[in-house]
Amino acid sequence: MFEQFSSGYYLGRLYVEPHGGDHAVIHRDDHVRVNEHLYTTGEGIERTDAPLVMKLENGGHFPVLGDDSVPTGTLAVPDPLAPGDLPDRREVLLAKADRAVELLRYSGWAPSEGR
């Protein structure tokens, strides 16, 4: 779904569509799979429910949560983040783990205790 792009990002292609929710979402199974494959280290107990951080071209970073109502391979973004020409297949940047944690902290997110 995503491949190495730069020192801070992976690049992938997803079907991107607008939706009326408050957060960007992908299918829960895709969310867990991306977390396991790209964000975990394989050492100890690690979270697979932490938000992913993505970016569409010409846009800002946004957290992405898992949601069973979204089709697999689809990124649903809140209407204010959605470019006017959606739905469409788009290149999506996914922040690498260290960069994602940094961006999430800037936005006020902190991992829960007892990880």
N, C-alpha and C. Protein backbone atom coordinates (compact mmCIF):
# COMPACT_ATOMS: atom_id res chain seq x y z
N MET A 1 0.83 -1.19 0.00
CA MET A 1 0.00 0.00 0.00
C MET A 1 0.88 1.26 0.00
N PHE A 2 2.01 1.22 0.75
CA PHE A 2 2.92 2.36 0.81
C PHE A 2 4.34 1.88 0.58
N GLU A 3 5.15 2.73 -0.04
CA GLU A 3 6.56 2.41 -0.28
C GLU A 3 7.43 3.57 0.16
N GLN A 4 8.71 3.27 0.38
CA GLN A 4 9.68 4.29 0.78
C GLN A 4 9.66 5.45 -0.20
N PHE A 5 9.63 6.68 0.32
CA PHE A 5 9.61 7.86 -0.55
C PHE A 5 10.77 8.80 -0.21
N SER A 6 10.91 9.13 1.06
CA SER A 6 11.97 10.05 1.50
C SER A 6 12.35 9.70 2.93
N SER A 7 13.20 10.50 3.52
CA SER A 7 13.62 10.21 4.90
C SER A 7 12.48 10.39 5.89
N GLY A 8 11.43 11.12 5.54
CA GLY A 8 10.33 11.35 6.47
C GLY A 8 8.99 10.79 6.06
N TYR A 9 8.91 10.23 4.82
CA TYR A 9 7.59 9.82 4.32
C TYR A 9 7.63 8.54 3.51
N TYR A 10 6.48 7.86 3.51
CA TYR A 10 6.17 6.79 2.58
C TYR A 10 5.19 7.37 1.58
N LEU A 11 5.12 6.77 0.39
CA LEU A 11 4.19 7.22 -0.64
C LEU A 11 3.28 6.07 -1.02
N GLY A 12 1.99 6.37 -1.13
CA GLY A 12 1.03 5.36 -1.54
C GLY A 12 -0.04 5.96 -2.42
N ARG A 13 -0.86 5.10 -3.01
CA ARG A 13 -2.00 5.55 -3.81
C ARG A 13 -3.26 4.97 -3.20
N LEU A 14 -4.19 5.83 -2.89
CA LEU A 14 -5.46 5.42 -2.30
C LEU A 14 -6.60 6.10 -3.05
N TYR A 15 -7.75 5.49 -3.01
CA TYR A 15 -8.96 6.14 -3.49
C TYR A 15 -9.35 7.13 -2.40
N VAL A 16 -9.42 8.40 -2.72
CA VAL A 16 -9.70 9.44 -1.73
C VAL A 16 -11.08 10.01 -2.01
N GLU A 17 -11.89 10.07 -0.96
CA GLU A 17 -13.25 10.61 -1.11
C GLU A 17 -13.58 11.51 0.08
N PRO A 18 -14.44 12.50 -0.14
CA PRO A 18 -14.88 13.35 0.96
C PRO A 18 -15.91 12.63 1.82
N HIS A 19 -15.99 13.00 3.09
CA HIS A 19 -17.06 12.49 3.95
C HIS A 19 -17.36 13.54 5.02
N GLY A 20 -18.50 13.39 5.65
CA GLY A 20 -18.97 14.39 6.60
C GLY A 20 -18.46 14.25 8.01
N GLY A 21 -17.52 13.34 8.26
CA GLY A 21 -17.01 13.13 9.61
C GLY A 21 -16.02 14.20 10.05
N ASP A 22 -15.60 14.10 11.31
CA ASP A 22 -14.66 15.06 11.89
C ASP A 22 -13.20 14.70 11.65
N HIS A 23 -12.93 13.43 11.32
CA HIS A 23 -11.56 12.95 11.16
C HIS A 23 -11.42 12.20 9.84
N ALA A 24 -10.21 12.19 9.31
CA ALA A 24 -9.92 11.35 8.16
C ALA A 24 -9.88 9.90 8.64
N VAL A 25 -10.36 8.98 7.82
CA VAL A 25 -10.42 7.57 8.21
C VAL A 25 -10.08 6.67 7.03
N ILE A 26 -9.51 5.50 7.35
CA ILE A 26 -9.36 4.40 6.42
C ILE A 26 -9.96 3.18 7.09
N HIS A 27 -10.16 2.10 6.32
CA HIS A 27 -10.73 0.90 6.91
C HIS A 27 -9.87 0.45 8.09
N ARG A 28 -10.51 -0.01 9.14
CA ARG A 28 -9.81 -0.39 10.37
C ARG A 28 -8.72 -1.44 10.11
N ASP A 29 -9.00 -2.43 9.27
CA ASP A 29 -7.99 -3.46 8.97
C ASP A 29 -6.77 -2.85 8.26
N ASP A 30 -7.02 -1.93 7.32
CA ASP A 30 -5.91 -1.24 6.65
C ASP A 30 -5.10 -0.43 7.66
N HIS A 31 -5.80 0.23 8.58
CA HIS A 31 -5.15 1.06 9.60
C HIS A 31 -4.22 0.21 10.47
N VAL A 32 -4.72 -0.92 10.94
CA VAL A 32 -3.91 -1.81 11.78
C VAL A 32 -2.73 -2.36 10.98
N ARG A 33 -2.99 -2.78 9.74
CA ARG A 33 -1.93 -3.36 8.91
C ARG A 33 -0.81 -2.34 8.65
N VAL A 34 -1.17 -1.11 8.33
CA VAL A 34 -0.16 -0.07 8.10
C VAL A 34 0.61 0.21 9.39
N ASN A 35 -0.10 0.32 10.51
CA ASN A 35 0.57 0.53 11.80
C ASN A 35 1.56 -0.60 12.09
N GLU A 36 1.13 -1.85 11.91
CA GLU A 36 2.00 -3.00 12.20
C GLU A 36 3.20 -3.02 11.27
N HIS A 37 2.98 -2.77 10.00
CA HIS A 37 4.04 -2.90 9.00
C HIS A 37 5.03 -1.73 9.02
N LEU A 38 4.53 -0.52 9.23
CA LEU A 38 5.39 0.65 9.09
C LEU A 38 5.73 1.37 10.39
N TYR A 39 4.92 1.20 11.44
CA TYR A 39 5.13 1.99 12.65
C TYR A 39 5.65 1.18 13.84
N THR A 40 5.51 -0.13 13.84
CA THR A 40 5.96 -0.91 14.99
C THR A 40 7.40 -1.38 14.78
N THR A 41 8.06 -1.70 15.89
CA THR A 41 9.46 -2.13 15.84
C THR A 41 9.62 -3.63 16.07
N GLY A 42 8.56 -4.28 16.55
CA GLY A 42 8.65 -5.70 16.86
C GLY A 42 9.19 -5.98 18.25
N GLU A 43 9.37 -4.94 19.05
CA GLU A 43 9.90 -5.10 20.40
C GLU A 43 8.82 -4.78 21.42
N GLY A 44 8.43 -5.77 22.19
CA GLY A 44 7.45 -5.56 23.25
C GLY A 44 6.05 -5.32 22.71
N ILE A 45 5.19 -4.82 23.58
CA ILE A 45 3.81 -4.53 23.21
C ILE A 45 3.76 -3.14 22.59
N GLU A 46 3.19 -3.06 21.40
CA GLU A 46 3.12 -1.79 20.71
C GLU A 46 1.70 -1.50 20.26
N ARG A 47 1.36 -0.25 20.21
CA ARG A 47 0.02 0.18 19.77
C ARG A 47 -0.12 0.02 18.27
N THR A 48 -1.30 -0.42 17.86
CA THR A 48 -1.62 -0.42 16.43
C THR A 48 -2.87 0.42 16.17
N ASP A 49 -3.31 1.17 17.20
CA ASP A 49 -4.49 2.02 17.04
C ASP A 49 -4.14 3.50 17.04
N ALA A 50 -2.86 3.84 17.16
CA ALA A 50 -2.46 5.25 17.14
C ALA A 50 -2.79 5.83 15.77
N PRO A 51 -3.13 7.11 15.71
CA PRO A 51 -3.43 7.71 14.41
C PRO A 51 -2.23 7.64 13.46
N LEU A 52 -2.52 7.40 12.20
CA LEU A 52 -1.52 7.57 11.16
C LEU A 52 -1.53 9.06 10.81
N VAL A 53 -0.47 9.55 10.22
CA VAL A 53 -0.45 10.95 9.79
C VAL A 53 -0.20 10.97 8.29
N MET A 54 -1.16 11.53 7.56
CA MET A 54 -1.08 11.57 6.10
C MET A 54 -1.16 13.01 5.60
N LYS A 55 -0.86 13.13 4.31
CA LYS A 55 -0.89 14.44 3.67
C LYS A 55 -1.22 14.23 2.20
N LEU A 56 -2.16 15.01 1.69
CA LEU A 56 -2.44 15.04 0.26
C LEU A 56 -1.62 16.17 -0.35
N GLU A 57 -1.36 16.09 -1.65
CA GLU A 57 -0.58 17.17 -2.27
C GLU A 57 -1.24 18.52 -2.04
N ASN A 58 -0.43 19.51 -1.83
CA ASN A 58 -0.88 20.89 -1.60
C ASN A 58 -1.76 21.04 -0.36
N GLY A 59 -1.64 20.13 0.59
CA GLY A 59 -2.44 20.23 1.81
C GLY A 59 -1.57 20.05 3.03
N GLY A 60 -2.19 20.19 4.19
CA GLY A 60 -1.48 20.01 5.44
C GLY A 60 -1.57 18.57 5.93
N HIS A 61 -0.88 18.29 7.00
CA HIS A 61 -0.92 16.97 7.62
C HIS A 61 -2.23 16.80 8.39
N PHE A 62 -2.71 15.56 8.47
CA PHE A 62 -3.91 15.28 9.25
C PHE A 62 -3.84 13.87 9.82
N PRO A 63 -4.40 13.67 11.03
CA PRO A 63 -4.43 12.33 11.62
C PRO A 63 -5.47 11.48 10.91
N VAL A 64 -5.19 10.18 10.83
CA VAL A 64 -6.09 9.24 10.17
C VAL A 64 -6.38 8.10 11.14
N LEU A 65 -7.65 7.86 11.39
CA LEU A 65 -8.11 6.81 12.29
C LEU A 65 -8.67 5.64 11.50
N GLY A 66 -8.90 4.51 12.17
CA GLY A 66 -9.51 3.35 11.55
C GLY A 66 -11.02 3.38 11.72
N ASP A 67 -11.75 2.91 10.69
CA ASP A 67 -13.21 2.90 10.72
C ASP A 67 -13.70 1.77 9.82
N ASP A 68 -14.55 0.90 10.36
CA ASP A 68 -15.04 -0.24 9.60
C ASP A 68 -15.98 0.14 8.46
N SER A 69 -16.53 1.35 8.48
CA SER A 69 -17.52 1.72 7.46
C SER A 69 -16.89 2.18 6.14
N VAL A 70 -15.58 2.36 6.12
CA VAL A 70 -14.89 2.82 4.92
C VAL A 70 -14.39 1.60 4.14
N PRO A 71 -14.58 1.57 2.82
CA PRO A 71 -14.06 0.44 2.04
C PRO A 71 -12.54 0.34 2.13
N THR A 72 -12.02 -0.87 2.07
CA THR A 72 -10.58 -1.05 2.10
C THR A 72 -9.95 -0.33 0.91
N GLY A 73 -8.75 0.24 1.12
CA GLY A 73 -8.07 0.97 0.06
C GLY A 73 -8.57 2.38 -0.15
N THR A 74 -9.44 2.85 0.74
CA THR A 74 -10.05 4.18 0.61
C THR A 74 -9.66 5.06 1.79
N LEU A 75 -9.34 6.30 1.49
CA LEU A 75 -9.11 7.33 2.50
C LEU A 75 -10.27 8.31 2.41
N ALA A 76 -11.05 8.41 3.48
CA ALA A 76 -12.16 9.35 3.53
C ALA A 76 -11.73 10.55 4.35
N VAL A 77 -11.77 11.73 3.74
CA VAL A 77 -11.30 12.94 4.42
C VAL A 77 -12.48 13.87 4.68
N PRO A 78 -12.43 14.60 5.81
CA PRO A 78 -13.51 15.56 6.10
C PRO A 78 -13.65 16.57 4.96
N ASP A 79 -14.86 16.99 4.72
CA ASP A 79 -15.14 17.92 3.62
C ASP A 79 -14.19 19.12 3.57
N PRO A 80 -13.84 19.76 4.71
CA PRO A 80 -12.94 20.92 4.62
C PRO A 80 -11.54 20.58 4.10
N LEU A 81 -11.11 19.32 4.23
CA LEU A 81 -9.79 18.91 3.74
C LEU A 81 -9.82 18.39 2.31
N ALA A 82 -11.02 18.16 1.79
CA ALA A 82 -11.17 17.50 0.50
C ALA A 82 -11.04 18.48 -0.66
N PRO A 83 -10.09 18.23 -1.57
CA PRO A 83 -10.04 19.04 -2.78
C PRO A 83 -11.34 18.89 -3.56
N GLY A 84 -11.69 19.86 -4.35
CA GLY A 84 -12.96 19.87 -5.05
C GLY A 84 -13.14 18.81 -6.11
N ASP A 85 -12.06 18.16 -6.54
CA ASP A 85 -12.18 17.18 -7.62
C ASP A 85 -12.24 15.73 -7.12
N LEU A 86 -12.66 15.54 -5.88
CA LEU A 86 -12.81 14.17 -5.34
C LEU A 86 -14.23 13.69 -5.59
N PRO A 87 -14.45 12.41 -5.62
CA PRO A 87 -13.52 11.29 -5.35
C PRO A 87 -12.61 10.99 -6.54
N ASP A 88 -11.42 10.47 -6.19
CA ASP A 88 -10.44 10.13 -7.21
C ASP A 88 -9.31 9.33 -6.55
N ARG A 89 -8.55 8.63 -7.37
CA ARG A 89 -7.37 7.92 -6.88
C ARG A 89 -6.23 8.94 -6.79
N ARG A 90 -5.56 8.99 -5.64
CA ARG A 90 -4.55 10.02 -5.38
C ARG A 90 -3.30 9.45 -4.75
N GLU A 91 -2.19 10.14 -4.96
CA GLU A 91 -0.98 9.85 -4.21
C GLU A 91 -1.16 10.46 -2.83
N VAL A 92 -0.75 9.70 -1.82
CA VAL A 92 -0.89 10.11 -0.42
C VAL A 92 0.46 9.92 0.26
N LEU A 93 0.89 10.93 0.98
CA LEU A 93 2.11 10.82 1.78
C LEU A 93 1.73 10.36 3.18
N LEU A 94 2.48 9.39 3.70
CA LEU A 94 2.30 8.87 5.05
C LEU A 94 3.57 9.18 5.83
N ALA A 95 3.45 9.94 6.89
CA ALA A 95 4.62 10.28 7.70
C ALA A 95 5.18 9.03 8.36
N LYS A 96 6.51 8.93 8.38
CA LYS A 96 7.15 7.82 9.08
C LYS A 96 6.92 7.97 10.57
N ALA A 97 7.17 6.91 11.32
CA ALA A 97 6.80 6.85 12.74
C ALA A 97 7.30 8.04 13.55
N ASP A 98 8.59 8.35 13.48
CA ASP A 98 9.14 9.46 14.28
C ASP A 98 8.50 10.79 13.89
N ARG A 99 8.35 11.01 12.61
CA ARG A 99 7.74 12.25 12.12
C ARG A 99 6.27 12.31 12.52
N ALA A 100 5.58 11.18 12.45
CA ALA A 100 4.16 11.14 12.82
C ALA A 100 3.96 11.50 14.29
N VAL A 101 4.79 10.94 15.17
CA VAL A 101 4.68 11.25 16.60
C VAL A 101 4.91 12.74 16.82
N GLU A 102 5.90 13.30 16.15
CA GLU A 102 6.20 14.73 16.27
C GLU A 102 5.00 15.57 15.81
N LEU A 103 4.43 15.24 14.67
CA LEU A 103 3.28 16.00 14.15
C LEU A 103 2.05 15.85 15.04
N LEU A 104 1.83 14.64 15.57
CA LEU A 104 0.69 14.43 16.46
C LEU A 104 0.85 15.22 17.75
N ARG A 105 2.07 15.27 18.28
CA ARG A 105 2.30 16.06 19.50
C ARG A 105 2.04 17.54 19.27
N TYR A 106 2.44 18.05 18.10
CA TYR A 106 2.16 19.45 17.77
C TYR A 106 0.66 19.72 17.76
N SER A 107 -0.12 18.71 17.38
CA SER A 107 -1.57 18.90 17.30
C SER A 107 -2.26 18.62 18.63
N GLY A 108 -1.48 18.24 19.67
CA GLY A 108 -2.05 18.03 21.00
C GLY A 108 -2.35 16.59 21.35
N TRP A 109 -2.07 15.63 20.45
CA TRP A 109 -2.32 14.23 20.73
C TRP A 109 -1.17 13.67 21.55
N ALA A 110 -1.49 12.83 22.53
CA ALA A 110 -0.48 12.15 23.33
C ALA A 110 -0.92 10.70 23.50
N PRO A 111 0.01 9.75 23.37
CA PRO A 111 -0.37 8.35 23.57
C PRO A 111 -0.88 8.12 24.98
N SER A 112 -1.83 7.20 25.11
CA SER A 112 -2.38 6.91 26.44
C SER A 112 -1.34 6.20 27.28
N GLU A 113 -1.51 6.29 28.58
CA GLU A 113 -0.59 5.63 29.52
C GLU A 113 -0.76 4.12 29.45
N GLY A 114 0.27 3.40 29.87
CA GLY A 114 0.18 1.94 29.95
C GLY A 114 0.31 1.24 28.63
N ARG A 115 1.09 1.82 27.71
CA ARG A 115 1.26 1.21 26.40
C ARG A 115 1.89 -0.13 26.47
